[in-house]
Amino acid sequence: MIQELDTQTYDQLNKSGPMMVEFYSKTCGPCKMLAFVLRDIDKTMPDFNIYTIDYDENQELKERLGVKGFPTILLMKDGQEINRIAGLKQKPEIIKAIKEIL
């Protein structure tokens, strides 16, 4: 299940293992299309943790993580960023990037 985070819940998150964090904006068309892709990935890979963060409402966190735009996907393992995907991408490209950190 995809979980929505804010700065506080992100900081409290147990960051062990692989996970995806996606920064989005509610007014972003590509973000809305990417949401469908992420929901499909979530159904395909239910044990993989996917989190979303509202870019506009979490200024301090986006600056801390160096996120410059949206949508931006951070692929992380044990709290460290392994890969970053900027912009709208299709499911096969995202799945390939996820498999590289598993």
PDB file of N, CA and C in Angstrom:
ATOM      1  N   MET A   1       0.842  -1.182   0.000  1.00  0.00           N
ATOM      2  CA  MET A   1       0.000   0.000   0.000  1.00  0.00           C
ATOM      3  C   MET A   1       0.889   1.249   0.000  1.00  0.00           C
ATOM      4  N   ILE A   2       0.595   2.157  -0.886  1.00  0.00           N
ATOM      5  CA  ILE A   2       1.354   3.406  -0.977  1.00  0.00           C
ATOM      6  C   ILE A   2       0.948   4.305   0.185  1.00  0.00           C
ATOM      7  N   GLN A   3       1.946   4.831   0.887  1.00  0.00           N
ATOM      8  CA  GLN A   3       1.677   5.680   2.045  1.00  0.00           C
ATOM      9  C   GLN A   3       2.135   7.110   1.777  1.00  0.00           C
ATOM     10  N   GLU A   4       1.311   8.062   2.208  1.00  0.00           N
ATOM     11  CA  GLU A   4       1.635   9.485   2.108  1.00  0.00           C
ATOM     12  C   GLU A   4       2.452   9.878   3.344  1.00  0.00           C
ATOM     13  N   LEU A   5       3.538  10.580   3.120  1.00  0.00           N
ATOM     14  CA  LEU A   5       4.384  11.043   4.217  1.00  0.00           C
ATOM     15  C   LEU A   5       4.451  12.564   4.211  1.00  0.00           C
ATOM     16  N   ASP A   6       4.771  13.119   5.374  1.00  0.00           N
ATOM     17  CA  ASP A   6       5.156  14.514   5.468  1.00  0.00           C
ATOM     18  C   ASP A   6       6.554  14.528   6.091  1.00  0.00           C
ATOM     19  N   THR A   7       7.101  15.689   6.345  1.00  0.00           N
ATOM     20  CA  THR A   7       8.461  15.772   6.872  1.00  0.00           C
ATOM     21  C   THR A   7       8.603  14.997   8.181  1.00  0.00           C
ATOM     22  N   GLN A   8       7.645  15.154   9.073  1.00  0.00           N
ATOM     23  CA  GLN A   8       7.727  14.483  10.376  1.00  0.00           C
ATOM     24  C   GLN A   8       7.662  12.968  10.230  1.00  0.00           C
ATOM     25  N   THR A   9       6.706  12.457   9.455  1.00  0.00           N
ATOM     26  CA  THR A   9       6.592  10.998   9.319  1.00  0.00           C
ATOM     27  C   THR A   9       7.767  10.428   8.534  1.00  0.00           C
ATOM     28  N   TYR A  10       8.324  11.197   7.599  1.00  0.00           N
ATOM     29  CA  TYR A  10       9.522  10.741   6.887  1.00  0.00           C
ATOM     30  C   TYR A  10      10.683  10.584   7.866  1.00  0.00           C
ATOM     31  N   ASP A  11      10.857  11.561   8.742  1.00  0.00           N
ATOM     32  CA  ASP A  11      11.955  11.505   9.702  1.00  0.00           C
ATOM     33  C   ASP A  11      11.800  10.351  10.696  1.00  0.00           C
ATOM     34  N   GLN A  12      10.560   9.943  10.975  1.00  0.00           N
ATOM     35  CA  GLN A  12      10.299   8.858  11.916  1.00  0.00           C
ATOM     36  C   GLN A  12      10.313   7.485  11.244  1.00  0.00           C
ATOM     37  N   LEU A  13      10.336   7.465   9.933  1.00  0.00           N
ATOM     38  CA  LEU A  13      10.248   6.232   9.161  1.00  0.00           C
ATOM     39  C   LEU A  13      11.457   5.343   9.405  1.00  0.00           C
ATOM     40  N   ASN A  14      11.188   4.049   9.567  1.00  0.00           N
ATOM     41  CA  ASN A  14      12.266   3.073   9.639  1.00  0.00           C
ATOM     42  C   ASN A  14      12.800   2.906   8.222  1.00  0.00           C
ATOM     43  N   LYS A  15      14.000   3.344   7.973  1.00  0.00           N
ATOM     44  CA  LYS A  15      14.533   3.377   6.618  1.00  0.00           C
ATOM     45  C   LYS A  15      15.389   2.161   6.286  1.00  0.00           C
ATOM     46  N   SER A  16      15.206   1.053   6.992  1.00  0.00           N
ATOM     47  CA  SER A  16      15.971  -0.147   6.665  1.00  0.00           C
ATOM     48  C   SER A  16      15.354  -0.818   5.437  1.00  0.00           C
ATOM     49  N   GLY A  17      16.218  -1.375   4.618  1.00  0.00           N
ATOM     50  CA  GLY A  17      15.754  -2.051   3.413  1.00  0.00           C
ATOM     51  C   GLY A  17      15.495  -1.087   2.269  1.00  0.00           C
ATOM     52  N   PRO A  18      15.050  -1.626   1.128  1.00  0.00           N
ATOM     53  CA  PRO A  18      14.792  -0.803  -0.051  1.00  0.00           C
ATOM     54  C   PRO A  18      13.424  -0.131   0.009  1.00  0.00           C
ATOM     55  N   MET A  19      13.327   1.061  -0.590  1.00  0.00           N
ATOM     56  CA  MET A  19      12.048   1.766  -0.656  1.00  0.00           C
ATOM     57  C   MET A  19      12.107   2.848  -1.722  1.00  0.00           C
ATOM     58  N   MET A  20      10.930   3.324  -2.094  1.00  0.00           N
ATOM     59  CA  MET A  20      10.798   4.400  -3.065  1.00  0.00           C
ATOM     60  C   MET A  20      10.087   5.561  -2.401  1.00  0.00           C
ATOM     61  N   VAL A  21      10.582   6.769  -2.652  1.00  0.00           N
ATOM     62  CA  VAL A  21       9.925   7.990  -2.180  1.00  0.00           C
ATOM     63  C   VAL A  21       9.674   8.852  -3.411  1.00  0.00           C
ATOM     64  N   GLU A  22       8.411   9.191  -3.654  1.00  0.00           N
ATOM     65  CA  GLU A  22       8.062  10.007  -4.815  1.00  0.00           C
ATOM     66  C   GLU A  22       7.561  11.363  -4.360  1.00  0.00           C
ATOM     67  N   PHE A  23       8.185  12.414  -4.876  1.00  0.00           N
ATOM     68  CA  PHE A  23       7.720  13.777  -4.630  1.00  0.00           C
ATOM     69  C   PHE A  23       6.797  14.164  -5.772  1.00  0.00           C
ATOM     70  N   TYR A  24       5.626  14.691  -5.425  1.00  0.00           N
ATOM     71  CA  TYR A  24       4.623  15.060  -6.417  1.00  0.00           C
ATOM     72  C   TYR A  24       3.988  16.393  -6.032  1.00  0.00           C
ATOM     73  N   SER A  25       3.224  16.940  -6.973  1.00  0.00           N
ATOM     74  CA  SER A  25       2.417  18.121  -6.692  1.00  0.00           C
ATOM     75  C   SER A  25       0.989  17.829  -7.144  1.00  0.00           C
ATOM     76  N   LYS A  26       0.033  18.299  -6.381  1.00  0.00           N
ATOM     77  CA  LYS A  26      -1.380  18.051  -6.706  1.00  0.00           C
ATOM     78  C   LYS A  26      -1.799  18.707  -8.015  1.00  0.00           C
ATOM     79  N   THR A  27      -1.059  19.732  -8.460  1.00  0.00           N
ATOM     80  CA  THR A  27      -1.419  20.453  -9.688  1.00  0.00           C
ATOM     81  C   THR A  27      -0.626  19.962 -10.901  1.00  0.00           C
ATOM     82  N   CYS A  28       0.151  18.925 -10.750  1.00  0.00           N
ATOM     83  CA  CYS A  28       1.063  18.430 -11.789  1.00  0.00           C
ATOM     84  C   CYS A  28       0.416  17.298 -12.590  1.00  0.00           C
ATOM     85  N   GLY A  29       0.208  17.527 -13.888  1.00  0.00           N
ATOM     86  CA  GLY A  29      -0.370  16.499 -14.747  1.00  0.00           C
ATOM     87  C   GLY A  29       0.472  15.236 -14.826  1.00  0.00           C
ATOM     88  N   PRO A  30       1.797  15.338 -15.093  1.00  0.00           N
ATOM     89  CA  PRO A  30       2.631  14.138 -15.120  1.00  0.00           C
ATOM     90  C   PRO A  30       2.621  13.380 -13.785  1.00  0.00           C
ATOM     91  N   CYS A  31       2.486  14.100 -12.667  1.00  0.00           N
ATOM     92  CA  CYS A  31       2.426  13.451 -11.353  1.00  0.00           C
ATOM     93  C   CYS A  31       1.177  12.577 -11.252  1.00  0.00           C
ATOM     94  N   LYS A  32       0.070  13.080 -11.780  1.00  0.00           N
ATOM     95  CA  LYS A  32      -1.187  12.316 -11.747  1.00  0.00           C
ATOM     96  C   LYS A  32      -1.067  11.066 -12.602  1.00  0.00           C
ATOM     97  N   MET A  33      -0.409  11.167 -13.752  1.00  0.00           N
ATOM     98  CA  MET A  33      -0.207   9.984 -14.594  1.00  0.00           C
ATOM     99  C   MET A  33       0.739   9.000 -13.917  1.00  0.00           C
ATOM    100  N   LEU A  34       1.775   9.507 -13.257  1.00  0.00           N
ATOM    101  CA  LEU A  34       2.717   8.640 -12.558  1.00  0.00           C
ATOM    102  C   LEU A  34       2.037   7.920 -11.406  1.00  0.00           C
ATOM    103  N   ALA A  35       1.045   8.543 -10.780  1.00  0.00           N
ATOM    104  CA  ALA A  35       0.319   7.899  -9.677  1.00  0.00           C
ATOM    105  C   ALA A  35      -0.311   6.589 -10.141  1.00  0.00           C
ATOM    106  N   PHE A  36      -0.838   6.558 -11.367  1.00  0.00           N
ATOM    107  CA  PHE A  36      -1.410   5.312 -11.904  1.00  0.00           C
ATOM    108  C   PHE A  36      -0.330   4.243 -12.054  1.00  0.00           C
ATOM    109  N   VAL A  37       0.838   4.649 -12.541  1.00  0.00           N
ATOM    110  CA  VAL A  37       1.955   3.714 -12.715  1.00  0.00           C
ATOM    111  C   VAL A  37       2.387   3.157 -11.359  1.00  0.00           C
ATOM    112  N   LEU A  38       2.494   4.033 -10.355  1.00  0.00           N
ATOM    113  CA  LEU A  38       2.938   3.586  -9.021  1.00  0.00           C
ATOM    114  C   LEU A  38       1.916   2.656  -8.382  1.00  0.00           C
ATOM    115  N   ARG A  39       0.629   2.926  -8.571  1.00  0.00           N
ATOM    116  CA  ARG A  39      -0.400   2.020  -8.031  1.00  0.00           C
ATOM    117  C   ARG A  39      -0.294   0.646  -8.689  1.00  0.00           C
ATOM    118  N   ASP A  40      -0.003   0.621  -9.979  1.00  0.00           N
ATOM    119  CA  ASP A  40       0.168  -0.647 -10.680  1.00  0.00           C
ATOM    120  C   ASP A  40       1.402  -1.385 -10.170  1.00  0.00           C
ATOM    121  N   ILE A  41       2.493  -0.662  -9.960  1.00  0.00           N
ATOM    122  CA  ILE A  41       3.702  -1.275  -9.399  1.00  0.00           C
ATOM    123  C   ILE A  41       3.421  -1.806  -8.002  1.00  0.00           C
ATOM    124  N   ASP A  42       2.662  -1.068  -7.213  1.00  0.00           N
ATOM    125  CA  ASP A  42       2.321  -1.488  -5.857  1.00  0.00           C
ATOM    126  C   ASP A  42       1.540  -2.805  -5.875  1.00  0.00           C
ATOM    127  N   LYS A  43       0.662  -2.980  -6.851  1.00  0.00           N
ATOM    128  CA  LYS A  43      -0.090  -4.243  -6.977  1.00  0.00           C
ATOM    129  C   LYS A  43       0.831  -5.381  -7.398  1.00  0.00           C
ATOM    130  N   THR A  44       1.791  -5.077  -8.264  1.00  0.00           N
ATOM    131  CA  THR A  44       2.730  -6.070  -8.774  1.00  0.00           C
ATOM    132  C   THR A  44       3.764  -6.464  -7.725  1.00  0.00           C
ATOM    133  N   MET A  45       4.184  -5.490  -6.910  1.00  0.00           N
ATOM    134  CA  MET A  45       5.241  -5.700  -5.915  1.00  0.00           C
ATOM    135  C   MET A  45       4.750  -5.249  -4.541  1.00  0.00           C
ATOM    136  N   PRO A  46       3.778  -5.961  -3.959  1.00  0.00           N
ATOM    137  CA  PRO A  46       3.169  -5.483  -2.710  1.00  0.00           C
ATOM    138  C   PRO A  46       4.112  -5.432  -1.511  1.00  0.00           C
ATOM    139  N   ASP A  47       5.231  -6.132  -1.560  1.00  0.00           N
ATOM    140  CA  ASP A  47       6.174  -6.124  -0.434  1.00  0.00           C
ATOM    141  C   ASP A  47       7.191  -4.985  -0.523  1.00  0.00           C
ATOM    142  N   PHE A  48       7.184  -4.250  -1.643  1.00  0.00           N
ATOM    143  CA  PHE A  48       8.105  -3.132  -1.820  1.00  0.00           C
ATOM    144  C   PHE A  48       7.444  -1.869  -1.290  1.00  0.00           C
ATOM    145  N   ASN A  49       8.147  -1.115  -0.447  1.00  0.00           N
ATOM    146  CA  ASN A  49       7.579   0.084   0.184  1.00  0.00           C
ATOM    147  C   ASN A  49       7.652   1.285  -0.745  1.00  0.00           C
ATOM    148  N   ILE A  50       6.463   1.861  -1.024  1.00  0.00           N
ATOM    149  CA  ILE A  50       6.353   3.059  -1.851  1.00  0.00           C
ATOM    150  C   ILE A  50       5.719   4.156  -1.006  1.00  0.00           C
ATOM    151  N   TYR A  51       6.373   5.314  -0.986  1.00  0.00           N
ATOM    152  CA  TYR A  51       5.882   6.457  -0.228  1.00  0.00           C
ATOM    153  C   TYR A  51       5.774   7.664  -1.152  1.00  0.00           C
ATOM    154  N   THR A  52       4.808   8.535  -0.871  1.00  0.00           N
ATOM    155  CA  THR A  52       4.660   9.772  -1.623  1.00  0.00           C
ATOM    156  C   THR A  52       4.746  10.948  -0.667  1.00  0.00           C
ATOM    157  N   ILE A  53       5.288  12.053  -1.179  1.00  0.00           N
ATOM    158  CA  ILE A  53       5.443  13.276  -0.391  1.00  0.00           C
ATOM    159  C   ILE A  53       5.005  14.445  -1.252  1.00  0.00           C
ATOM    160  N   ASP A  54       4.128  15.287  -0.704  1.00  0.00           N
ATOM    161  CA  ASP A  54       3.661  16.473  -1.412  1.00  0.00           C
ATOM    162  C   ASP A  54       4.793  17.499  -1.460  1.00  0.00           C
ATOM    163  N   TYR A  55       5.263  17.775  -2.658  1.00  0.00           N
ATOM    164  CA  TYR A  55       6.384  18.692  -2.890  1.00  0.00           C
ATOM    165  C   TYR A  55       6.089  20.083  -2.328  1.00  0.00           C
ATOM    166  N   ASP A  56       4.857  20.552  -2.539  1.00  0.00           N
ATOM    167  CA  ASP A  56       4.497  21.917  -2.150  1.00  0.00           C
ATOM    168  C   ASP A  56       4.354  22.100  -0.642  1.00  0.00           C
ATOM    169  N   GLU A  57       4.004  21.037   0.066  1.00  0.00           N
ATOM    170  CA  GLU A  57       3.739  21.143   1.498  1.00  0.00           C
ATOM    171  C   GLU A  57       4.922  20.748   2.375  1.00  0.00           C
ATOM    172  N   ASN A  58       6.008  20.313   1.774  1.00  0.00           N
ATOM    173  CA  ASN A  58       7.161  19.829   2.545  1.00  0.00           C
ATOM    174  C   ASN A  58       8.454  20.467   2.037  1.00  0.00           C
ATOM    175  N   GLN A  59       8.494  21.796   2.103  1.00  0.00           N
ATOM    176  CA  GLN A  59       9.619  22.569   1.570  1.00  0.00           C
ATOM    177  C   GLN A  59      10.960  22.178   2.200  1.00  0.00           C
ATOM    178  N   GLU A  60      10.998  22.056   3.512  1.00  0.00           N
ATOM    179  CA  GLU A  60      12.252  21.761   4.199  1.00  0.00           C
ATOM    180  C   GLU A  60      12.781  20.387   3.780  1.00  0.00           C
ATOM    181  N   LEU A  61      11.903  19.412   3.661  1.00  0.00           N
ATOM    182  CA  LEU A  61      12.331  18.057   3.298  1.00  0.00           C
ATOM    183  C   LEU A  61      12.826  18.003   1.860  1.00  0.00           C
ATOM    184  N   LYS A  62      12.132  18.657   0.949  1.00  0.00           N
ATOM    185  CA  LYS A  62      12.580  18.629  -0.453  1.00  0.00           C
ATOM    186  C   LYS A  62      13.938  19.313  -0.593  1.00  0.00           C
ATOM    187  N   GLU A  63      14.157  20.380   0.167  1.00  0.00           N
ATOM    188  CA  GLU A  63      15.458  21.048   0.120  1.00  0.00           C
ATOM    189  C   GLU A  63      16.547  20.163   0.729  1.00  0.00           C
ATOM    190  N   ARG A  64      16.220  19.525   1.839  1.00  0.00           N
ATOM    191  CA  ARG A  64      17.201  18.645   2.499  1.00  0.00           C
ATOM    192  C   ARG A  64      17.613  17.491   1.586  1.00  0.00           C
ATOM    193  N   LEU A  65      16.650  16.945   0.829  1.00  0.00           N
ATOM    194  CA  LEU A  65      16.940  15.816  -0.049  1.00  0.00           C
ATOM    195  C   LEU A  65      17.375  16.259  -1.448  1.00  0.00           C
ATOM    196  N   GLY A  66      17.407  17.566  -1.692  1.00  0.00           N
ATOM    197  CA  GLY A  66      17.878  18.080  -2.968  1.00  0.00           C
ATOM    198  C   GLY A  66      16.928  17.850  -4.129  1.00  0.00           C
ATOM    199  N   VAL A  67      15.634  17.810  -3.840  1.00  0.00           N
ATOM    200  CA  VAL A  67      14.632  17.609  -4.888  1.00  0.00           C
ATOM    201  C   VAL A  67      14.309  18.968  -5.500  1.00  0.00           C
ATOM    202  N   LYS A  68      14.516  19.088  -6.812  1.00  0.00           N
ATOM    203  CA  LYS A  68      14.374  20.374  -7.500  1.00  0.00           C
ATOM    204  C   LYS A  68      13.058  20.513  -8.271  1.00  0.00           C
ATOM    205  N   GLY A  69      12.373  19.407  -8.542  1.00  0.00           N
ATOM    206  CA  GLY A  69      11.146  19.461  -9.324  1.00  0.00           C
ATOM    207  C   GLY A  69      10.291  18.241  -9.064  1.00  0.00           C
ATOM    208  N   PHE A  70       9.224  18.151  -9.824  1.00  0.00           N
ATOM    209  CA  PHE A  70       8.304  17.029  -9.638  1.00  0.00           C
ATOM    210  C   PHE A  70       7.763  16.582 -10.985  1.00  0.00           C
ATOM    211  N   PRO A  71       7.424  15.304 -11.126  1.00  0.00           N
ATOM    212  CA  PRO A  71       7.641  14.249 -10.143  1.00  0.00           C
ATOM    213  C   PRO A  71       9.114  13.846 -10.078  1.00  0.00           C
ATOM    214  N   THR A  72       9.541  13.498  -8.888  1.00  0.00           N
ATOM    215  CA  THR A  72      10.888  12.984  -8.655  1.00  0.00           C
ATOM    216  C   THR A  72      10.772  11.746  -7.778  1.00  0.00           C
ATOM    217  N   ILE A  73      11.400  10.669  -8.224  1.00  0.00           N
ATOM    218  CA  ILE A  73      11.423   9.415  -7.467  1.00  0.00           C
ATOM    219  C   ILE A  73      12.820   9.218  -6.903  1.00  0.00           C
ATOM    220  N   LEU A  74      12.892   8.963  -5.605  1.00  0.00           N
ATOM    221  CA  LEU A  74      14.149   8.595  -4.967  1.00  0.00           C
ATOM    222  C   LEU A  74      14.065   7.108  -4.636  1.00  0.00           C
ATOM    223  N   LEU A  75      15.008   6.337  -5.135  1.00  0.00           N
ATOM    224  CA  LEU A  75      15.100   4.922  -4.783  1.00  0.00           C
ATOM    225  C   LEU A  75      16.176   4.806  -3.723  1.00  0.00           C
ATOM    226  N   MET A  76      15.788   4.286  -2.566  1.00  0.00           N
ATOM    227  CA  MET A  76      16.674   4.287  -1.410  1.00  0.00           C
ATOM    228  C   MET A  76      16.849   2.879  -0.855  1.00  0.00           C
ATOM    229  N   LYS A  77      17.986   2.679  -0.244  1.00  0.00           N
ATOM    230  CA  LYS A  77      18.256   1.415   0.444  1.00  0.00           C
ATOM    231  C   LYS A  77      18.968   1.741   1.742  1.00  0.00           C
ATOM    232  N   ASP A  78      18.400   1.287   2.835  1.00  0.00           N
ATOM    233  CA  ASP A  78      18.958   1.508   4.175  1.00  0.00           C
ATOM    234  C   ASP A  78      19.215   2.993   4.440  1.00  0.00           C
ATOM    235  N   GLY A  79      18.283   3.842   3.988  1.00  0.00           N
ATOM    236  CA  GLY A  79      18.345   5.269   4.253  1.00  0.00           C
ATOM    237  C   GLY A  79      19.228   6.061   3.307  1.00  0.00           C
ATOM    238  N   GLN A  80      19.893   5.398   2.367  1.00  0.00           N
ATOM    239  CA  GLN A  80      20.782   6.075   1.426  1.00  0.00           C
ATOM    240  C   GLN A  80      20.162   6.090   0.033  1.00  0.00           C
ATOM    241  N   GLU A  81      20.231   7.233  -0.624  1.00  0.00           N
ATOM    242  CA  GLU A  81      19.732   7.327  -1.994  1.00  0.00           C
ATOM    243  C   GLU A  81      20.647   6.542  -2.926  1.00  0.00           C
ATOM    244  N   ILE A  82      20.045   5.637  -3.703  1.00  0.00           N
ATOM    245  CA  ILE A  82      20.792   4.826  -4.660  1.00  0.00           C
ATOM    246  C   ILE A  82      20.578   5.337  -6.081  1.00  0.00           C
ATOM    247  N   ASN A  83      19.356   5.782  -6.359  1.00  0.00           N
ATOM    248  CA  ASN A  83      19.023   6.234  -7.707  1.00  0.00           C
ATOM    249  C   ASN A  83      17.965   7.324  -7.613  1.00  0.00           C
ATOM    250  N   ARG A  84      17.945   8.199  -8.609  1.00  0.00           N
ATOM    251  CA  ARG A  84      16.962   9.282  -8.674  1.00  0.00           C
ATOM    252  C   ARG A  84      16.397   9.303 -10.089  1.00  0.00           C
ATOM    253  N   ILE A  85      15.080   9.342 -10.180  1.00  0.00           N
ATOM    254  CA  ILE A  85      14.402   9.399 -11.474  1.00  0.00           C
ATOM    255  C   ILE A  85      13.563  10.665 -11.498  1.00  0.00           C
ATOM    256  N   ALA A  86      13.871  11.565 -12.436  1.00  0.00           N
ATOM    257  CA  ALA A  86      13.127  12.823 -12.549  1.00  0.00           C
ATOM    258  C   ALA A  86      12.172  12.738 -13.741  1.00  0.00           C
ATOM    259  N   GLY A  87      10.967  13.249 -13.537  1.00  0.00           N
ATOM    260  CA  GLY A  87       9.994  13.286 -14.613  1.00  0.00           C
ATOM    261  C   GLY A  87       9.161  12.022 -14.704  1.00  0.00           C
ATOM    262  N   LEU A  88       8.216  12.047 -15.623  1.00  0.00           N
ATOM    263  CA  LEU A  88       7.311  10.925 -15.841  1.00  0.00           C
ATOM    264  C   LEU A  88       8.033   9.809 -16.580  1.00  0.00           C
ATOM    265  N   LYS A  89       8.033   8.633 -16.002  1.00  0.00           N
ATOM    266  CA  LYS A  89       8.647   7.457 -16.627  1.00  0.00           C
ATOM    267  C   LYS A  89       7.611   6.334 -16.672  1.00  0.00           C
ATOM    268  N   GLN A  90       7.843   5.394 -17.560  1.00  0.00           N
ATOM    269  CA  GLN A  90       6.933   4.272 -17.715  1.00  0.00           C
ATOM    270  C   GLN A  90       7.296   3.145 -16.747  1.00  0.00           C
ATOM    271  N   LYS A  91       6.349   2.256 -16.536  1.00  0.00           N
ATOM    272  CA  LYS A  91       6.497   1.165 -15.576  1.00  0.00           C
ATOM    273  C   LYS A  91       7.763   0.331 -15.798  1.00  0.00           C
ATOM    274  N   PRO A  92       8.099  -0.109 -17.024  1.00  0.00           N
ATOM    275  CA  PRO A  92       9.295  -0.957 -17.176  1.00  0.00           C
ATOM    276  C   PRO A  92      10.583  -0.282 -16.689  1.00  0.00           C
ATOM    277  N   GLU A  93      10.729   1.008 -16.944  1.00  0.00           N
ATOM    278  CA  GLU A  93      11.929   1.721 -16.506  1.00  0.00           C
ATOM    279  C   GLU A  93      11.996   1.806 -14.984  1.00  0.00           C
ATOM    280  N   ILE A  94      10.852   2.045 -14.344  1.00  0.00           N
ATOM    281  CA  ILE A  94      10.815   2.143 -12.880  1.00  0.00           C
ATOM    282  C   ILE A  94      11.055   0.773 -12.253  1.00  0.00           C
ATOM    283  N   ILE A  95      10.434  -0.265 -12.808  1.00  0.00           N
ATOM    284  CA  ILE A  95      10.634  -1.637 -12.294  1.00  0.00           C
ATOM    285  C   ILE A  95      12.112  -2.018 -12.395  1.00  0.00           C
ATOM    286  N   LYS A  96      12.756  -1.696 -13.516  1.00  0.00           N
ATOM    287  CA  LYS A  96      14.183  -2.020 -13.690  1.00  0.00           C
ATOM    288  C   LYS A  96      15.004  -1.323 -12.593  1.00  0.00           C
ATOM    289  N   ALA A  97      14.710  -0.054 -12.327  1.00  0.00           N
ATOM    290  CA  ALA A  97      15.447   0.675 -11.291  1.00  0.00           C
ATOM    291  C   ALA A  97      15.199   0.082  -9.903  1.00  0.00           C
ATOM    292  N   ILE A  98      13.969  -0.348  -9.643  1.00  0.00           N
ATOM    293  CA  ILE A  98      13.655  -0.977  -8.350  1.00  0.00           C
ATOM    294  C   ILE A  98      14.444  -2.271  -8.196  1.00  0.00           C
ATOM    295  N   LYS A  99      14.475  -3.087  -9.230  1.00  0.00           N
ATOM    296  CA  LYS A  99      15.183  -4.386  -9.155  1.00  0.00           C
ATOM    297  C   LYS A  99      16.676  -4.202  -8.909  1.00  0.00           C
ATOM    298  N   GLU A 100      17.217  -3.062  -9.327  1.00  0.00           N
ATOM    299  CA  GLU A 100      18.642  -2.806  -9.103  1.00  0.00           C
ATOM    300  C   GLU A 100      18.966  -2.568  -7.630  1.00  0.00           C
ATOM    301  N   ILE A 101      17.957  -2.194  -6.820  1.00  0.00           N
ATOM    302  CA  ILE A 101      18.248  -1.957  -5.390  1.00  0.00           C
ATOM    303  C   ILE A 101      17.753  -3.102  -4.501  1.00  0.00           C
ATOM    304  N   LEU A 102      17.069  -4.083  -5.093  1.00  0.00           N
ATOM    305  CA  LEU A 102      16.564  -5.206  -4.282  1.00  0.00           C
ATOM    306  C   LEU A 102      17.660  -6.223  -4.024  1.00  0.00           C
TER     307      LEU A 102
END
